[in-house]
Amino acid sequence: MRKLINSSDALNLIKNGDTLLVGGFGLSGTPLTLLDEIAESDKRDLTVVSNNLGEAGRGLGQLLLAGNLNKAVGSYFTTNRDAVEAWNNGELEIELVPQGTLAEAIRCGGAGIGGFYTRTAVGTKIAEGKEEKMIDGERYILEKAIKGDVAIIKSLKADTLGNLIYDHTARNFNPLMATAAKTVIAEVDEIVEAGDMDPHQVVTPHLFVDYVVETKYVKKGGVYVESI
């Protein structure tokens, strides 16, 4: 499988200062192996676009403690007290984006759409500095599309071509992010031969996937734990 690389090789695809699109909601659908590699590296000044920053010391929370991050763009940071503390101390820039707006902005990035108008956040601090437009008597603000240098996503299974299927709610932001970055790396639980997956279950077609990494985690009791 030409797209299969190890996690340390995947690290070479990320540069200092890159914008990373990282799938997951908390730790569900999060590429834990790839985040481990980044946290142990000297990558710096990264901007992460993700729903949140994982949990304290886990998932994206590791990158925060390791000093890899300069900025986080997302919608739900308060579950990780380290993120709040880093922001309070001026060590992390945070850009809050309403969750539906975040998803649509990434979708636009993948679809080649420059942005969209939404009523969400009109009249709030989030709207400050953004173009406002009246449509049918209602106020809307312009939200620009979000794109990344590298997307690191998590899927349940890949075939040898790189087609991906996801596990229930772990699907969350991953399929959108697979369309909106220059380079897409998918961390997967299992790799099967082309033709062994039901094509109706494929959510992300292989043309969006540049590289595949096998996870070092196994699922026990509904929770991923390190297998090594």
Protein backbone atom coordinates (compact mmCIF):
# COMPACT_ATOMS: atom_id res chain seq x y z
CA MET A 1 0.00 0.00 0.00
CA ARG A 2 1.82 3.10 -1.22
CA LYS A 3 -0.09 5.47 1.04
CA LEU A 4 0.82 3.58 4.23
CA ILE A 5 3.56 5.33 6.23
CA ASN A 6 4.64 5.14 9.84
CA SER A 7 3.73 7.85 12.29
CA SER A 8 7.26 9.26 12.51
CA ASP A 9 7.35 9.74 8.72
CA ALA A 10 4.02 11.54 8.98
CA LEU A 11 5.67 14.04 11.28
CA ASN A 12 7.96 15.10 8.44
CA LEU A 13 4.92 16.34 6.52
CA ILE A 14 4.24 19.01 9.16
CA LYS A 15 6.23 22.25 9.26
CA ASN A 16 6.61 24.85 11.98
CA GLY A 17 3.88 27.45 11.65
CA ASP A 18 1.48 25.15 9.79
CA THR A 19 -2.29 25.21 10.26
CA LEU A 20 -3.51 21.75 11.23
CA LEU A 21 -7.08 20.58 10.88
CA VAL A 22 -7.54 17.95 13.59
CA GLY A 23 -10.62 15.75 13.68
CA GLY A 24 -12.36 14.69 16.85
CA PHE A 25 -14.77 15.83 19.49
CA GLY A 26 -13.03 15.54 22.83
CA LEU A 27 -11.21 12.25 22.33
CA SER A 28 -13.87 10.71 20.07
CA GLY A 29 -12.57 10.45 16.51
CA THR A 30 -9.21 11.92 17.50
CA PRO A 31 -5.95 10.75 15.83
CA LEU A 32 -4.16 9.95 19.10
CA THR A 33 -1.05 8.31 17.59
CA LEU A 34 -0.29 11.27 15.34
CA LEU A 35 -0.83 13.70 18.20
CA ASP A 36 1.59 11.68 20.35
CA GLU A 37 4.24 12.11 17.65
CA ILE A 38 3.70 15.87 17.40
CA ALA A 39 3.77 16.32 21.18
CA GLU A 40 7.14 14.55 21.33
CA SER A 41 8.59 16.63 18.48
CA ASP A 42 10.07 20.10 18.22
CA LYS A 43 7.24 21.41 16.03
CA ARG A 44 6.34 24.94 17.09
CA ASP A 45 3.97 27.81 16.31
CA LEU A 46 1.24 25.51 15.08
CA THR A 47 -2.32 26.72 14.64
CA VAL A 48 -4.85 23.99 15.36
CA VAL A 49 -8.38 24.04 14.02
CA SER A 50 -10.47 21.57 16.01
CA ASN A 51 -13.71 21.49 17.90
CA ASN A 52 -11.77 21.67 21.16
CA LEU A 53 -8.37 20.85 22.65
CA GLY A 54 -9.11 17.36 23.91
CA GLU A 55 -8.72 16.76 27.59
CA ALA A 56 -6.04 17.89 30.03
CA GLY A 57 -2.86 16.06 28.99
CA ARG A 58 -4.62 13.86 26.43
CA GLY A 59 -5.13 14.21 22.68
CA LEU A 60 -4.63 17.81 21.64
CA GLY A 61 -4.14 18.64 25.32
CA GLN A 62 -0.66 17.11 24.98
CA LEU A 63 0.34 19.61 22.29
CA LEU A 64 -0.72 22.44 24.52
CA LEU A 65 1.46 21.27 27.41
CA ALA A 66 4.38 20.49 25.10
CA GLY A 67 4.41 24.03 23.72
CA ASN A 68 3.62 23.08 20.12
CA LEU A 69 0.67 25.44 19.80
CA ASN A 70 0.51 29.13 19.09
CA LYS A 71 -3.21 29.40 18.32
CA ALA A 72 -6.36 27.31 18.59
CA VAL A 73 -9.49 27.85 16.48
CA GLY A 74 -12.58 26.03 17.71
CA SER A 75 -15.81 26.17 19.62
CA TYR A 76 -15.47 24.38 22.93
CA PHE A 77 -12.36 24.93 25.03
CA THR A 78 -13.63 25.08 28.59
CA THR A 79 -13.47 21.33 29.23
CA ASN A 80 -9.68 21.53 29.16
CA ARG A 81 -8.55 23.67 32.09
CA ASP A 82 -5.02 23.82 30.67
CA ALA A 83 -6.35 25.65 27.61
CA VAL A 84 -8.15 28.21 29.73
CA GLU A 85 -5.07 28.72 31.91
CA ALA A 86 -2.78 29.11 28.86
CA TRP A 87 -5.13 31.69 27.39
CA ASN A 88 -5.31 33.56 30.69
CA ASN A 89 -1.50 33.62 30.85
CA GLY A 90 -1.22 34.92 27.28
CA GLU A 91 0.50 31.72 26.15
CA LEU A 92 -2.20 30.66 23.69
CA GLU A 93 -4.31 32.65 21.23
CA ILE A 94 -7.86 31.37 21.01
CA GLU A 95 -10.37 32.14 18.26
CA LEU A 96 -13.86 31.09 19.24
CA VAL A 97 -16.14 29.91 16.44
CA PRO A 98 -19.71 28.67 16.99
CA GLN A 99 -19.80 24.94 16.35
CA GLY A 100 -22.11 25.00 13.33
CA THR A 101 -20.16 27.90 11.85
CA LEU A 102 -16.93 25.95 12.33
CA ALA A 103 -18.29 22.94 10.46
CA GLU A 104 -19.67 25.04 7.61
CA ALA A 105 -16.47 27.10 7.31
CA ILE A 106 -14.42 23.90 6.92
CA ARG A 107 -16.96 22.54 4.43
CA CYS A 108 -16.62 25.74 2.40
CA GLY A 109 -12.85 25.41 2.53
CA GLY A 110 -13.11 21.95 1.02
CA ALA A 111 -15.70 22.96 -1.57
CA GLY A 112 -13.78 25.95 -2.89
CA ILE A 113 -16.24 28.47 -1.46
CA GLY A 114 -14.71 31.65 -0.05
CA GLY A 115 -17.17 32.11 2.80
CA PHE A 116 -20.82 32.37 3.75
CA TYR A 117 -23.29 34.62 5.54
CA THR A 118 -24.83 33.49 8.81
CA ARG A 119 -27.05 35.00 11.49
CA THR A 120 -25.19 33.12 14.20
CA ALA A 121 -23.19 35.47 16.47
CA VAL A 122 -24.64 38.66 14.96
CA GLY A 123 -24.33 41.45 17.52
CA THR A 124 -21.75 39.59 19.66
CA LYS A 125 -18.00 40.05 20.11
CA ILE A 126 -17.46 37.23 17.62
CA ALA A 127 -19.00 39.46 14.94
CA GLU A 128 -16.71 42.41 15.62
CA GLY A 129 -14.67 43.36 12.53
CA LYS A 130 -16.64 41.09 10.22
CA GLU A 131 -18.61 42.25 7.19
CA GLU A 132 -22.32 42.58 7.92
CA LYS A 133 -25.09 42.33 5.35
CA MET A 134 -28.88 42.74 5.42
CA ILE A 135 -30.71 39.89 3.66
CA ASP A 136 -34.50 39.94 3.57
CA GLY A 137 -34.52 42.32 6.51
CA GLU A 138 -32.21 40.18 8.69
CA ARG A 139 -28.63 40.91 9.78
CA TYR A 140 -25.98 38.44 8.69
CA ILE A 141 -22.20 38.34 9.12
CA LEU A 142 -19.65 37.00 6.67
CA GLU A 143 -17.67 34.01 7.87
CA LYS A 144 -14.66 33.09 5.75
CA ALA A 145 -13.83 29.53 4.76
CA ILE A 146 -11.27 27.59 6.79
CA LYS A 147 -8.51 25.62 5.10
CA GLY A 148 -5.43 23.90 6.48
CA ASP A 149 -1.93 22.94 5.47
CA VAL A 150 -2.32 19.44 6.90
CA ALA A 151 -5.40 17.54 8.09
CA ILE A 152 -4.86 14.72 10.56
CA ILE A 153 -7.99 12.68 10.87
CA LYS A 154 -9.13 9.39 12.43
CA SER A 155 -11.11 6.62 10.79
CA LEU A 156 -12.15 3.12 11.75
CA LYS A 157 -10.98 1.40 8.61
CA ALA A 158 -9.15 2.09 5.35
CA ASP A 159 -8.70 -0.07 2.31
CA THR A 160 -5.41 -0.25 0.45
CA LEU A 161 -6.49 2.61 -1.83
CA GLY A 162 -7.19 4.92 1.12
CA ASN A 163 -10.99 4.87 1.12
CA LEU A 164 -12.23 5.54 4.66
CA ILE A 165 -15.15 4.57 6.86
CA TYR A 166 -15.79 5.93 10.35
CA ASP A 167 -17.05 4.59 13.66
CA HIS A 168 -20.42 6.07 14.65
CA THR A 169 -20.01 9.53 16.27
CA ALA A 170 -16.24 9.39 15.75
CA ARG A 171 -17.15 10.51 12.25
CA ASN A 172 -17.78 14.08 13.57
CA PHE A 173 -15.48 16.65 11.86
CA ASN A 174 -13.19 14.13 10.15
CA PRO A 175 -14.85 13.86 6.70
CA LEU A 176 -15.08 17.65 6.34
CA MET A 177 -11.43 18.14 7.29
CA ALA A 178 -10.35 15.52 4.76
CA THR A 179 -11.51 17.87 1.99
CA ALA A 180 -10.05 21.13 3.27
CA ALA A 181 -6.27 20.64 3.61
CA LYS A 182 -3.37 20.43 1.18
CA THR A 183 -2.17 17.19 2.77
CA VAL A 184 -4.42 14.64 4.46
CA ILE A 185 -3.11 11.97 6.85
CA ALA A 186 -5.60 9.40 8.13
CA GLU A 187 -4.91 7.37 11.28
CA VAL A 188 -6.83 4.10 11.08
CA ASP A 189 -7.58 1.07 13.24
CA GLU A 190 -7.52 -1.43 10.40
CA ILE A 191 -6.48 -1.72 6.76
CA VAL A 192 -8.23 -4.12 4.41
CA GLU A 193 -7.80 -4.99 0.76
CA ALA A 194 -9.48 -2.85 -1.88
CA GLY A 195 -12.90 -4.32 -2.55
CA ASP A 196 -13.35 -5.68 0.98
CA MET A 197 -15.38 -2.70 2.17
CA ASP A 198 -18.97 -2.07 1.23
CA PRO A 199 -18.70 0.94 -1.11
CA HIS A 200 -21.93 2.32 0.35
CA GLN A 201 -20.15 2.67 3.71
CA VAL A 202 -17.23 4.67 2.33
CA VAL A 203 -17.55 8.26 3.54
CA THR A 204 -14.20 9.70 2.44
CA PRO A 205 -13.10 8.58 -1.03
CA HIS A 206 -9.43 7.73 -1.50
CA LEU A 207 -8.72 10.73 -3.71
CA PHE A 208 -8.88 12.97 -0.62
CA VAL A 209 -6.41 10.85 1.37
CA ASP A 210 -2.67 11.27 0.83
CA TYR A 211 -1.27 9.04 3.58
CA VAL A 212 -2.50 6.38 6.01
CA VAL A 213 -1.00 5.60 9.43
CA GLU A 214 -1.99 2.61 11.56
CA THR A 215 -2.93 3.54 15.10
CA LYS A 216 -0.93 2.24 18.05
CA TYR A 217 -4.09 2.27 20.16
CA VAL A 218 -6.66 -0.46 20.66
CA LYS A 219 -10.23 -0.05 21.79
CA LYS A 220 -11.10 -1.67 25.12
CA GLY A 221 -14.41 -1.10 26.81
CA GLY A 222 -15.21 1.71 24.39
CA VAL A 223 -11.99 3.59 25.19
CA TYR A 224 -8.77 3.70 23.20
CA VAL A 225 -5.71 2.59 25.17
CA GLU A 226 -2.13 2.24 24.00
CA SER A 227 -1.43 -1.24 22.64
CA ILE A 228 2.34 -1.03 23.14
